[in-house]
Amino acid sequence: MTLTEIKIKIQKLYNTNPEIHINIHCNHPKMYYDNEPAIIRGVYPHIFQLEVKEDNQIKSFYMQYEDVLIKRVEIIELTGSTQPSI
């Protein structure tokens, strides 16, 4: 999948159903989420905004499309599987 295809698919999710599930494994900043419900709050030319509820607080952060390409971020709905890969 190319960056352009990723952008198009995320834009489509944002427009149709922004409530998704994500897997994120990053060291800087330190973020580890497995099959976590999230909401796509914004889609921009080089980044997209995600919102996750954690410990009764809403955390908002920006990710690059490249993070999806290199599998640092996995959007379960983009993989087409009904069960998350754990």
N, C-alpha and C. Protein backbone atom coordinates (compact mmCIF):
# COMPACT_ATOMS: atom_id res chain seq x y z
N MET A 1 0.84 -1.17 0.00
CA MET A 1 0.00 0.00 0.00
C MET A 1 0.89 1.24 0.00
N THR A 2 0.55 2.23 -0.80
CA THR A 2 1.33 3.45 -0.90
C THR A 2 0.78 4.52 0.05
N LEU A 3 1.55 5.58 0.24
CA LEU A 3 1.10 6.69 1.08
C LEU A 3 -0.19 7.30 0.55
N THR A 4 -0.30 7.43 -0.74
CA THR A 4 -1.51 8.00 -1.35
C THR A 4 -2.72 7.13 -1.06
N GLU A 5 -2.58 5.83 -1.17
CA GLU A 5 -3.69 4.92 -0.87
C GLU A 5 -4.08 5.00 0.60
N ILE A 6 -3.09 5.11 1.48
CA ILE A 6 -3.35 5.23 2.91
C ILE A 6 -4.12 6.51 3.20
N LYS A 7 -3.69 7.63 2.61
CA LYS A 7 -4.38 8.91 2.79
C LYS A 7 -5.83 8.82 2.35
N ILE A 8 -6.06 8.22 1.19
CA ILE A 8 -7.41 8.09 0.65
C ILE A 8 -8.29 7.25 1.57
N LYS A 9 -7.76 6.14 2.06
CA LYS A 9 -8.54 5.25 2.93
C LYS A 9 -8.84 5.90 4.27
N ILE A 10 -7.88 6.61 4.84
CA ILE A 10 -8.13 7.30 6.11
C ILE A 10 -9.14 8.43 5.91
N GLN A 11 -9.04 9.15 4.81
CA GLN A 11 -10.01 10.20 4.50
C GLN A 11 -11.42 9.61 4.36
N LYS A 12 -11.51 8.45 3.72
CA LYS A 12 -12.81 7.79 3.55
C LYS A 12 -13.38 7.37 4.91
N LEU A 13 -12.54 6.79 5.78
CA LEU A 13 -12.99 6.44 7.13
C LEU A 13 -13.45 7.67 7.89
N TYR A 14 -12.71 8.76 7.78
CA TYR A 14 -13.04 10.00 8.47
C TYR A 14 -14.41 10.51 8.03
N ASN A 15 -14.70 10.41 6.74
CA ASN A 15 -15.96 10.91 6.20
C ASN A 15 -17.14 9.99 6.48
N THR A 16 -16.91 8.67 6.55
CA THR A 16 -18.02 7.73 6.69
C THR A 16 -18.21 7.25 8.13
N ASN A 17 -17.15 6.80 8.78
CA ASN A 17 -17.24 6.27 10.14
C ASN A 17 -15.91 6.50 10.85
N PRO A 18 -15.75 7.65 11.53
CA PRO A 18 -14.46 7.96 12.14
C PRO A 18 -14.14 7.16 13.41
N GLU A 19 -15.08 6.36 13.89
CA GLU A 19 -14.81 5.54 15.08
C GLU A 19 -14.11 4.26 14.65
N ILE A 20 -12.85 4.11 15.09
CA ILE A 20 -12.00 3.01 14.63
C ILE A 20 -11.36 2.31 15.83
N HIS A 21 -10.55 1.30 15.55
CA HIS A 21 -9.73 0.63 16.56
C HIS A 21 -8.28 0.69 16.05
N ILE A 22 -7.36 0.93 16.97
CA ILE A 22 -5.96 1.11 16.58
C ILE A 22 -5.02 0.25 17.42
N ASN A 23 -3.90 -0.05 16.82
CA ASN A 23 -2.74 -0.60 17.51
C ASN A 23 -1.61 0.40 17.27
N ILE A 24 -1.02 0.90 18.34
CA ILE A 24 0.10 1.83 18.21
C ILE A 24 1.23 1.35 19.10
N HIS A 25 2.43 1.31 18.54
CA HIS A 25 3.62 0.94 19.30
C HIS A 25 4.73 1.93 18.94
N CYS A 26 4.86 2.98 19.77
CA CYS A 26 5.86 4.03 19.55
C CYS A 26 6.68 4.22 20.82
N ASN A 27 7.96 4.50 20.64
CA ASN A 27 8.82 4.80 21.78
C ASN A 27 8.93 6.29 22.05
N HIS A 28 8.85 7.10 21.01
CA HIS A 28 8.98 8.56 21.15
C HIS A 28 7.89 9.25 20.37
N PRO A 29 6.86 9.78 20.96
CA PRO A 29 6.52 9.69 22.38
C PRO A 29 6.05 8.28 22.72
N LYS A 30 6.16 7.93 23.97
CA LYS A 30 5.85 6.57 24.39
C LYS A 30 4.33 6.35 24.36
N MET A 31 3.89 5.50 23.43
CA MET A 31 2.48 5.17 23.28
C MET A 31 2.37 3.70 22.92
N TYR A 32 1.58 2.98 23.69
CA TYR A 32 1.31 1.57 23.40
C TYR A 32 -0.18 1.33 23.55
N TYR A 33 -0.83 1.04 22.44
CA TYR A 33 -2.27 0.74 22.43
C TYR A 33 -2.47 -0.53 21.62
N ASP A 34 -3.28 -1.44 22.14
CA ASP A 34 -3.64 -2.65 21.42
C ASP A 34 -5.15 -2.73 21.31
N ASN A 35 -5.65 -2.71 20.09
CA ASN A 35 -7.08 -2.78 19.79
C ASN A 35 -7.87 -1.76 20.61
N GLU A 36 -7.36 -0.55 20.66
CA GLU A 36 -7.96 0.54 21.44
C GLU A 36 -8.97 1.31 20.59
N PRO A 37 -10.17 1.54 21.09
CA PRO A 37 -11.13 2.38 20.35
C PRO A 37 -10.58 3.80 20.23
N ALA A 38 -10.73 4.38 19.07
CA ALA A 38 -10.25 5.74 18.82
C ALA A 38 -11.19 6.42 17.83
N ILE A 39 -11.03 7.72 17.72
CA ILE A 39 -11.82 8.52 16.79
C ILE A 39 -10.86 9.34 15.94
N ILE A 40 -11.09 9.35 14.64
CA ILE A 40 -10.31 10.22 13.75
C ILE A 40 -10.96 11.60 13.83
N ARG A 41 -10.24 12.58 14.34
CA ARG A 41 -10.78 13.93 14.53
C ARG A 41 -10.41 14.90 13.42
N GLY A 42 -9.40 14.56 12.64
CA GLY A 42 -9.01 15.46 11.56
C GLY A 42 -8.08 14.77 10.58
N VAL A 43 -8.19 15.17 9.33
CA VAL A 43 -7.33 14.63 8.28
C VAL A 43 -6.73 15.81 7.53
N TYR A 44 -5.43 15.85 7.47
CA TYR A 44 -4.69 16.97 6.88
C TYR A 44 -3.72 16.43 5.83
N PRO A 45 -3.08 17.31 5.06
CA PRO A 45 -2.22 16.83 3.96
C PRO A 45 -1.12 15.85 4.37
N HIS A 46 -0.49 16.04 5.53
CA HIS A 46 0.64 15.19 5.91
C HIS A 46 0.42 14.42 7.21
N ILE A 47 -0.64 14.74 7.94
CA ILE A 47 -0.91 14.10 9.23
C ILE A 47 -2.40 13.88 9.41
N PHE A 48 -2.74 13.06 10.40
CA PHE A 48 -4.14 12.93 10.80
C PHE A 48 -4.19 12.92 12.32
N GLN A 49 -5.34 13.35 12.87
CA GLN A 49 -5.49 13.49 14.31
C GLN A 49 -6.34 12.35 14.85
N LEU A 50 -5.87 11.73 15.93
CA LEU A 50 -6.59 10.66 16.61
C LEU A 50 -6.91 11.09 18.03
N GLU A 51 -8.01 10.55 18.54
CA GLU A 51 -8.41 10.81 19.91
C GLU A 51 -8.71 9.48 20.59
N VAL A 52 -8.11 9.27 21.77
CA VAL A 52 -8.27 8.03 22.52
C VAL A 52 -8.68 8.39 23.95
N LYS A 53 -9.62 7.64 24.50
CA LYS A 53 -10.00 7.85 25.89
C LYS A 53 -9.17 6.90 26.76
N GLU A 54 -8.42 7.48 27.69
CA GLU A 54 -7.54 6.70 28.55
C GLU A 54 -7.64 7.22 29.98
N ASP A 55 -7.97 6.35 30.92
CA ASP A 55 -8.09 6.73 32.33
C ASP A 55 -9.06 7.90 32.52
N ASN A 56 -10.21 7.81 31.87
CA ASN A 56 -11.25 8.85 31.93
C ASN A 56 -10.78 10.21 31.44
N GLN A 57 -9.74 10.24 30.64
CA GLN A 57 -9.25 11.47 30.02
C GLN A 57 -9.17 11.24 28.52
N ILE A 58 -9.44 12.28 27.77
CA ILE A 58 -9.32 12.18 26.32
C ILE A 58 -7.94 12.66 25.93
N LYS A 59 -7.22 11.79 25.21
CA LYS A 59 -5.88 12.13 24.73
C LYS A 59 -5.95 12.29 23.22
N SER A 60 -5.43 13.39 22.75
CA SER A 60 -5.44 13.69 21.33
C SER A 60 -4.00 13.77 20.84
N PHE A 61 -3.74 13.17 19.68
CA PHE A 61 -2.40 13.22 19.13
C PHE A 61 -2.45 13.14 17.62
N TYR A 62 -1.36 13.55 16.99
CA TYR A 62 -1.25 13.56 15.54
C TYR A 62 -0.28 12.48 15.09
N MET A 63 -0.64 11.81 14.02
CA MET A 63 0.21 10.77 13.46
C MET A 63 0.44 11.08 11.98
N GLN A 64 1.55 10.61 11.46
CA GLN A 64 1.85 10.77 10.04
C GLN A 64 1.35 9.55 9.29
N TYR A 65 1.00 9.74 8.03
CA TYR A 65 0.57 8.62 7.20
C TYR A 65 1.69 7.59 7.06
N GLU A 66 2.91 8.08 7.12
CA GLU A 66 4.07 7.20 7.05
C GLU A 66 4.09 6.20 8.21
N ASP A 67 3.57 6.61 9.38
CA ASP A 67 3.49 5.70 10.52
C ASP A 67 2.63 4.49 10.21
N VAL A 68 1.59 4.67 9.41
CA VAL A 68 0.75 3.55 9.00
C VAL A 68 1.51 2.68 8.00
N LEU A 69 2.23 3.33 7.10
CA LEU A 69 2.99 2.62 6.08
C LEU A 69 4.05 1.70 6.71
N ILE A 70 4.75 2.20 7.72
CA ILE A 70 5.82 1.40 8.35
C ILE A 70 5.30 0.57 9.52
N LYS A 71 3.99 0.56 9.69
CA LYS A 71 3.29 -0.28 10.67
C LYS A 71 3.56 0.09 12.13
N ARG A 72 3.92 1.33 12.36
CA ARG A 72 4.01 1.83 13.72
C ARG A 72 2.59 2.05 14.26
N VAL A 73 1.69 2.39 13.34
CA VAL A 73 0.27 2.56 13.65
C VAL A 73 -0.50 1.60 12.75
N GLU A 74 -1.39 0.84 13.35
CA GLU A 74 -2.24 -0.06 12.57
C GLU A 74 -3.69 0.30 12.85
N ILE A 75 -4.41 0.63 11.79
CA ILE A 75 -5.84 0.89 11.90
C ILE A 75 -6.53 -0.40 11.50
N ILE A 76 -7.20 -1.02 12.45
CA ILE A 76 -7.79 -2.35 12.24
C ILE A 76 -8.75 -2.32 11.05
N GLU A 77 -9.53 -1.28 10.89
CA GLU A 77 -10.50 -1.18 9.80
C GLU A 77 -9.83 -1.14 8.43
N LEU A 78 -8.58 -0.67 8.35
CA LEU A 78 -7.87 -0.63 7.07
C LEU A 78 -7.33 -2.00 6.67
N THR A 79 -7.08 -2.87 7.66
CA THR A 79 -6.52 -4.17 7.35
C THR A 79 -7.58 -5.12 6.79
N GLY A 80 -8.85 -4.80 7.03
CA GLY A 80 -9.92 -5.62 6.50
C GLY A 80 -10.24 -6.83 7.34
N SER A 81 -9.53 -7.04 8.43
CA SER A 81 -9.82 -8.19 9.27
C SER A 81 -10.88 -7.83 10.29
N THR A 82 -11.71 -8.79 10.62
CA THR A 82 -12.74 -8.54 11.63
C THR A 82 -12.19 -8.72 13.03
N GLN A 83 -11.16 -9.51 13.17
CA GLN A 83 -10.51 -9.69 14.46
C GLN A 83 -9.16 -8.98 14.43
N PRO A 84 -8.81 -8.25 15.49
CA PRO A 84 -7.51 -7.59 15.49
C PRO A 84 -6.37 -8.59 15.58
N SER A 85 -5.27 -8.21 14.96
CA SER A 85 -4.08 -9.06 15.06
C SER A 85 -3.36 -8.71 16.34
N ILE A 86 -3.16 -9.68 17.18
CA ILE A 86 -2.53 -9.42 18.48
C ILE A 86 -1.18 -10.12 18.52
